[in-house]
Amino acid sequence: MTKFSKEYKLQAVKKHFESGLSANQIAKEFGLQTYDLLMYIAAYEGHGSKIIYEPPQVTSEFRLRLTLWAIEHQASYVEVARKFGFVHISSIWKWKKIYIQKGQDGLKSLEIGSKTMTKPKKLTQDEQAKRLAELEEENLMLRIRLEASKLLASMEKDETSG
């Protein structure tokens, strides 16, 4: 998915109002998805150009207010964007689903943002050598067990057939 600058999105929104062209035509011209452009147009209509540069801060209260309003008014995503200036369709969909399944507490308990991935700790050469020795020893033990199992199975087979 291509990420467009805020200035680029605002330029597309303004062209919609200035040119009289359809959102579909402008979306094609700018390489945007039509529905994304419609969301930005609606947010712009409700909040002006400021909303493109300073989107609303997402708090548990904001999520709850937006979700309750969207459900109560059976609002489309575009209507939500116009009212709240929030244009992320997947988040709105997810919040509504969580609210319906788990209620206010489920929605309030959501963590904002994605968890940061921690990189595994780099081992020193001594630690790597020690780990290699441990793995080689474990490998040897597993081979011995396997051979012992095979030998035992062979002996049991000989006893039953002989």
C-alpha atoms as a PDB file:
ATOM      1  CA  MET A   1       0.000   0.000   0.000  1.00  0.00           C
ATOM      2  CA  THR A   2       1.456   3.350  -1.015  1.00  0.00           C
ATOM      3  CA  LYS A   3       1.698   6.022   1.620  1.00  0.00           C
ATOM      4  CA  PHE A   4       0.928   9.532   0.435  1.00  0.00           C
ATOM      5  CA  SER A   5       2.024  12.747   2.110  1.00  0.00           C
ATOM      6  CA  LYS A   6      -0.500  14.915   3.912  1.00  0.00           C
ATOM      7  CA  GLU A   7       0.126  17.688   1.400  1.00  0.00           C
ATOM      8  CA  TYR A   8      -0.628  15.324  -1.477  1.00  0.00           C
ATOM      9  CA  LYS A   9      -3.913  14.200   0.101  1.00  0.00           C
ATOM     10  CA  LEU A  10      -4.912  17.800   0.795  1.00  0.00           C
ATOM     11  CA  GLN A  11      -4.091  18.732  -2.801  1.00  0.00           C
ATOM     12  CA  ALA A  12      -6.447  15.977  -4.033  1.00  0.00           C
ATOM     13  CA  VAL A  13      -9.209  17.100  -1.648  1.00  0.00           C
ATOM     14  CA  LYS A  14      -8.909  20.730  -2.720  1.00  0.00           C
ATOM     15  CA  LYS A  15      -8.952  19.744  -6.386  1.00  0.00           C
ATOM     16  CA  HIS A  16     -12.268  17.985  -5.751  1.00  0.00           C
ATOM     17  CA  PHE A  17     -13.845  21.207  -4.500  1.00  0.00           C
ATOM     18  CA  GLU A  18     -12.197  23.497  -7.046  1.00  0.00           C
ATOM     19  CA  SER A  19     -12.586  21.440 -10.220  1.00  0.00           C
ATOM     20  CA  GLY A  20     -16.034  19.930  -9.882  1.00  0.00           C
ATOM     21  CA  LEU A  21     -14.597  16.567 -10.958  1.00  0.00           C
ATOM     22  CA  SER A  22     -15.888  13.426  -9.300  1.00  0.00           C
ATOM     23  CA  ALA A  23     -13.983  11.796  -6.478  1.00  0.00           C
ATOM     24  CA  ASN A  24     -13.448   8.791  -8.726  1.00  0.00           C
ATOM     25  CA  GLN A  25     -11.787  10.921 -11.432  1.00  0.00           C
ATOM     26  CA  ILE A  26      -9.547  12.687  -8.934  1.00  0.00           C
ATOM     27  CA  ALA A  27      -8.644   9.440  -7.176  1.00  0.00           C
ATOM     28  CA  LYS A  28      -7.497   7.985 -10.493  1.00  0.00           C
ATOM     29  CA  GLU A  29      -5.510  11.108 -11.311  1.00  0.00           C
ATOM     30  CA  PHE A  30      -3.762  11.086  -7.928  1.00  0.00           C
ATOM     31  CA  GLY A  31      -3.392   7.313  -7.654  1.00  0.00           C
ATOM     32  CA  LEU A  32      -5.588   7.135  -4.554  1.00  0.00           C
ATOM     33  CA  GLN A  33      -8.339   4.698  -3.678  1.00  0.00           C
ATOM     34  CA  THR A  34     -11.712   6.369  -4.284  1.00  0.00           C
ATOM     35  CA  TYR A  35     -13.102   5.494  -0.861  1.00  0.00           C
ATOM     36  CA  ASP A  36      -9.968   6.825   0.862  1.00  0.00           C
ATOM     37  CA  LEU A  37     -10.385  10.106  -0.996  1.00  0.00           C
ATOM     38  CA  LEU A  38     -14.064  10.231   0.000  1.00  0.00           C
ATOM     39  CA  MET A  39     -13.024   9.800   3.645  1.00  0.00           C
ATOM     40  CA  TYR A  40     -10.543  12.688   3.376  1.00  0.00           C
ATOM     41  CA  ILE A  41     -13.119  14.866   1.623  1.00  0.00           C
ATOM     42  CA  ALA A  42     -15.646  14.186   4.391  1.00  0.00           C
ATOM     43  CA  ALA A  43     -13.104  14.892   7.137  1.00  0.00           C
ATOM     44  CA  TYR A  44     -12.139  18.114   5.355  1.00  0.00           C
ATOM     45  CA  GLU A  45     -15.809  19.144   5.074  1.00  0.00           C
ATOM     46  CA  GLY A  46     -16.328  18.607   8.782  1.00  0.00           C
ATOM     47  CA  HIS A  47     -13.071  20.008  10.118  1.00  0.00           C
ATOM     48  CA  GLY A  48     -11.178  21.912   7.428  1.00  0.00           C
ATOM     49  CA  SER A  49      -7.608  21.383   6.259  1.00  0.00           C
ATOM     50  CA  LYS A  50      -6.343  21.235   9.845  1.00  0.00           C
ATOM     51  CA  ILE A  51      -7.703  17.692  10.190  1.00  0.00           C
ATOM     52  CA  ILE A  52      -5.376  16.411   7.457  1.00  0.00           C
ATOM     53  CA  TYR A  53      -2.324  17.668   9.346  1.00  0.00           C
ATOM     54  CA  GLU A  54      -3.585  17.058  12.884  1.00  0.00           C
ATOM     55  CA  PRO A  55      -5.825  13.991  12.965  1.00  0.00           C
ATOM     56  CA  PRO A  56      -7.724  13.356  16.196  1.00  0.00           C
ATOM     57  CA  GLN A  57      -5.838  11.771  19.056  1.00  0.00           C
ATOM     58  CA  VAL A  58      -7.178   8.278  19.647  1.00  0.00           C
ATOM     59  CA  THR A  59      -8.000   7.690  23.298  1.00  0.00           C
ATOM     60  CA  SER A  60     -10.325   5.152  24.870  1.00  0.00           C
ATOM     61  CA  GLU A  61     -12.904   7.936  25.305  1.00  0.00           C
ATOM     62  CA  PHE A  62     -12.599   8.933  21.641  1.00  0.00           C
ATOM     63  CA  ARG A  63     -13.028   5.321  20.493  1.00  0.00           C
ATOM     64  CA  LEU A  64     -16.102   4.911  22.685  1.00  0.00           C
ATOM     65  CA  ARG A  65     -17.688   8.212  21.605  1.00  0.00           C
ATOM     66  CA  LEU A  66     -17.074   7.524  17.913  1.00  0.00           C
ATOM     67  CA  THR A  67     -18.317   3.940  18.128  1.00  0.00           C
ATOM     68  CA  LEU A  68     -21.471   4.773  20.084  1.00  0.00           C
ATOM     69  CA  TRP A  69     -22.328   7.577  17.673  1.00  0.00           C
ATOM     70  CA  ALA A  70     -21.672   5.401  14.605  1.00  0.00           C
ATOM     71  CA  ILE A  71     -23.857   2.576  15.924  1.00  0.00           C
ATOM     72  CA  GLU A  72     -26.623   4.832  17.237  1.00  0.00           C
ATOM     73  CA  HIS A  73     -26.866   6.755  13.966  1.00  0.00           C
ATOM     74  CA  GLN A  74     -26.166   3.736  11.741  1.00  0.00           C
ATOM     75  CA  ALA A  75     -23.600   6.014  10.153  1.00  0.00           C
ATOM     76  CA  SER A  76     -21.488   5.206   7.135  1.00  0.00           C
ATOM     77  CA  TYR A  77     -17.715   5.493   7.354  1.00  0.00           C
ATOM     78  CA  VAL A  78     -17.916   8.742   5.389  1.00  0.00           C
ATOM     79  CA  GLU A  79     -20.393  10.181   7.920  1.00  0.00           C
ATOM     80  CA  VAL A  80     -18.072   9.158  10.752  1.00  0.00           C
ATOM     81  CA  ALA A  81     -15.155  10.858   8.981  1.00  0.00           C
ATOM     82  CA  ARG A  82     -17.204  14.036   8.554  1.00  0.00           C
ATOM     83  CA  LYS A  83     -18.261  14.111  12.223  1.00  0.00           C
ATOM     84  CA  PHE A  84     -15.023  12.995  13.908  1.00  0.00           C
ATOM     85  CA  GLY A  85     -12.312  13.644  11.314  1.00  0.00           C
ATOM     86  CA  PHE A  86     -11.177  10.030  11.688  1.00  0.00           C
ATOM     87  CA  VAL A  87     -10.543   8.322   8.345  1.00  0.00           C
ATOM     88  CA  HIS A  88      -9.308   4.832   9.219  1.00  0.00           C
ATOM     89  CA  ILE A  89     -12.074   2.508   8.073  1.00  0.00           C
ATOM     90  CA  SER A  90     -10.521  -0.677   9.437  1.00  0.00           C
ATOM     91  CA  SER A  91     -10.235   0.824  12.923  1.00  0.00           C
ATOM     92  CA  ILE A  92     -13.850   2.003  12.889  1.00  0.00           C
ATOM     93  CA  TRP A  93     -14.997  -1.440  11.751  1.00  0.00           C
ATOM     94  CA  LYS A  94     -12.880  -3.164  14.415  1.00  0.00           C
ATOM     95  CA  TRP A  95     -14.113  -0.860  17.203  1.00  0.00           C
ATOM     96  CA  LYS A  96     -17.756  -1.440  16.291  1.00  0.00           C
ATOM     97  CA  LYS A  97     -17.195  -5.192  16.250  1.00  0.00           C
ATOM     98  CA  ILE A  98     -15.440  -5.148  19.640  1.00  0.00           C
ATOM     99  CA  TYR A  99     -18.155  -2.956  21.154  1.00  0.00           C
ATOM    100  CA  ILE A 100     -20.899  -5.290  19.933  1.00  0.00           C
ATOM    101  CA  GLN A 101     -19.054  -8.375  21.236  1.00  0.00           C
ATOM    102  CA  LYS A 102     -17.512  -7.090  24.481  1.00  0.00           C
ATOM    103  CA  GLY A 103     -19.186  -3.778  25.282  1.00  0.00           C
ATOM    104  CA  GLN A 104     -17.559  -0.624  26.616  1.00  0.00           C
ATOM    105  CA  ASP A 105     -14.960  -2.455  28.689  1.00  0.00           C
ATOM    106  CA  GLY A 106     -13.682  -4.339  25.654  1.00  0.00           C
ATOM    107  CA  LEU A 107     -13.333  -1.122  23.722  1.00  0.00           C
ATOM    108  CA  LYS A 108     -11.678   0.754  26.583  1.00  0.00           C
ATOM    109  CA  SER A 109      -9.137  -1.998  27.164  1.00  0.00           C
ATOM    110  CA  LEU A 110      -7.712  -1.827  23.633  1.00  0.00           C
ATOM    111  CA  GLU A 111      -4.045  -0.986  23.449  1.00  0.00           C
ATOM    112  CA  ILE A 112      -3.175   1.812  21.071  1.00  0.00           C
ATOM    113  CA  GLY A 113      -0.617   1.088  18.387  1.00  0.00           C
ATOM    114  CA  SER A 114       1.282  -2.050  17.612  1.00  0.00           C
ATOM    115  CA  LYS A 115       3.635  -3.732  19.999  1.00  0.00           C
ATOM    116  CA  THR A 116       7.286  -3.143  19.319  1.00  0.00           C
ATOM    117  CA  MET A 117       9.237  -6.166  18.255  1.00  0.00           C
ATOM    118  CA  THR A 118      12.293  -6.892  20.334  1.00  0.00           C
ATOM    119  CA  LYS A 119      15.325  -8.182  18.530  1.00  0.00           C
ATOM    120  CA  PRO A 120      16.903 -11.304  19.967  1.00  0.00           C
ATOM    121  CA  LYS A 121      20.009 -10.592  22.000  1.00  0.00           C
ATOM    122  CA  LYS A 122      23.237 -11.054  20.045  1.00  0.00           C
ATOM    123  CA  LEU A 123      25.432 -13.723  21.601  1.00  0.00           C
ATOM    124  CA  THR A 124      29.142 -13.174  22.127  1.00  0.00           C
ATOM    125  CA  GLN A 125      31.572 -15.603  20.492  1.00  0.00           C
ATOM    126  CA  ASP A 126      32.043 -17.409  23.812  1.00  0.00           C
ATOM    127  CA  GLU A 127      28.270 -17.692  24.262  1.00  0.00           C
ATOM    128  CA  GLN A 128      27.897 -18.914  20.676  1.00  0.00           C
ATOM    129  CA  ALA A 129      30.615 -21.543  21.191  1.00  0.00           C
ATOM    130  CA  LYS A 130      28.974 -22.679  24.440  1.00  0.00           C
ATOM    131  CA  ARG A 131      25.547 -22.865  22.768  1.00  0.00           C
ATOM    132  CA  LEU A 132      27.022 -24.828  19.847  1.00  0.00           C
ATOM    133  CA  ALA A 133      28.622 -27.314  22.249  1.00  0.00           C
ATOM    134  CA  GLU A 134      25.288 -27.719  24.093  1.00  0.00           C
ATOM    135  CA  LEU A 135      23.447 -28.352  20.829  1.00  0.00           C
ATOM    136  CA  GLU A 136      26.070 -30.848  19.628  1.00  0.00           C
ATOM    137  CA  GLU A 137      25.828 -32.717  22.939  1.00  0.00           C
ATOM    138  CA  GLU A 138      22.026 -32.749  22.735  1.00  0.00           C
ATOM    139  CA  ASN A 139      22.257 -33.972  19.136  1.00  0.00           C
ATOM    140  CA  LEU A 140      24.586 -36.814  20.185  1.00  0.00           C
ATOM    141  CA  MET A 141      22.246 -37.833  23.021  1.00  0.00           C
ATOM    142  CA  LEU A 142      19.289 -37.909  20.632  1.00  0.00           C
ATOM    143  CA  ARG A 143      21.230 -40.076  18.155  1.00  0.00           C
ATOM    144  CA  ILE A 144      22.147 -42.500  20.934  1.00  0.00           C
ATOM    145  CA  ARG A 145      18.507 -42.714  22.052  1.00  0.00           C
ATOM    146  CA  LEU A 146      17.376 -43.321  18.483  1.00  0.00           C
ATOM    147  CA  GLU A 147      19.921 -46.108  17.961  1.00  0.00           C
ATOM    148  CA  ALA A 148      18.961 -47.645  21.319  1.00  0.00           C
ATOM    149  CA  SER A 149      15.286 -47.565  20.337  1.00  0.00           C
ATOM    150  CA  LYS A 150      16.069 -49.230  17.014  1.00  0.00           C
ATOM    151  CA  LEU A 151      18.193 -51.897  18.721  1.00  0.00           C
ATOM    152  CA  LEU A 152      15.499 -52.575  21.315  1.00  0.00           C
ATOM    153  CA  ALA A 153      12.826 -52.840  18.608  1.00  0.00           C
ATOM    154  CA  SER A 154      15.057 -55.240  16.642  1.00  0.00           C
ATOM    155  CA  MET A 155      15.677 -57.391  19.713  1.00  0.00           C
ATOM    156  CA  GLU A 156      11.951 -57.524  20.512  1.00  0.00           C
ATOM    157  CA  LYS A 157      11.223 -58.508  16.908  1.00  0.00           C
ATOM    158  CA  ASP A 158      13.821 -61.300  17.063  1.00  0.00           C
ATOM    159  CA  GLU A 159      12.291 -62.617  20.321  1.00  0.00           C
ATOM    160  CA  THR A 160       8.772 -62.735  18.863  1.00  0.00           C
ATOM    161  CA  SER A 161       9.850 -64.416  15.631  1.00  0.00           C
ATOM    162  CA  GLY A 162      12.335 -66.817  17.159  1.00  0.00           C
END
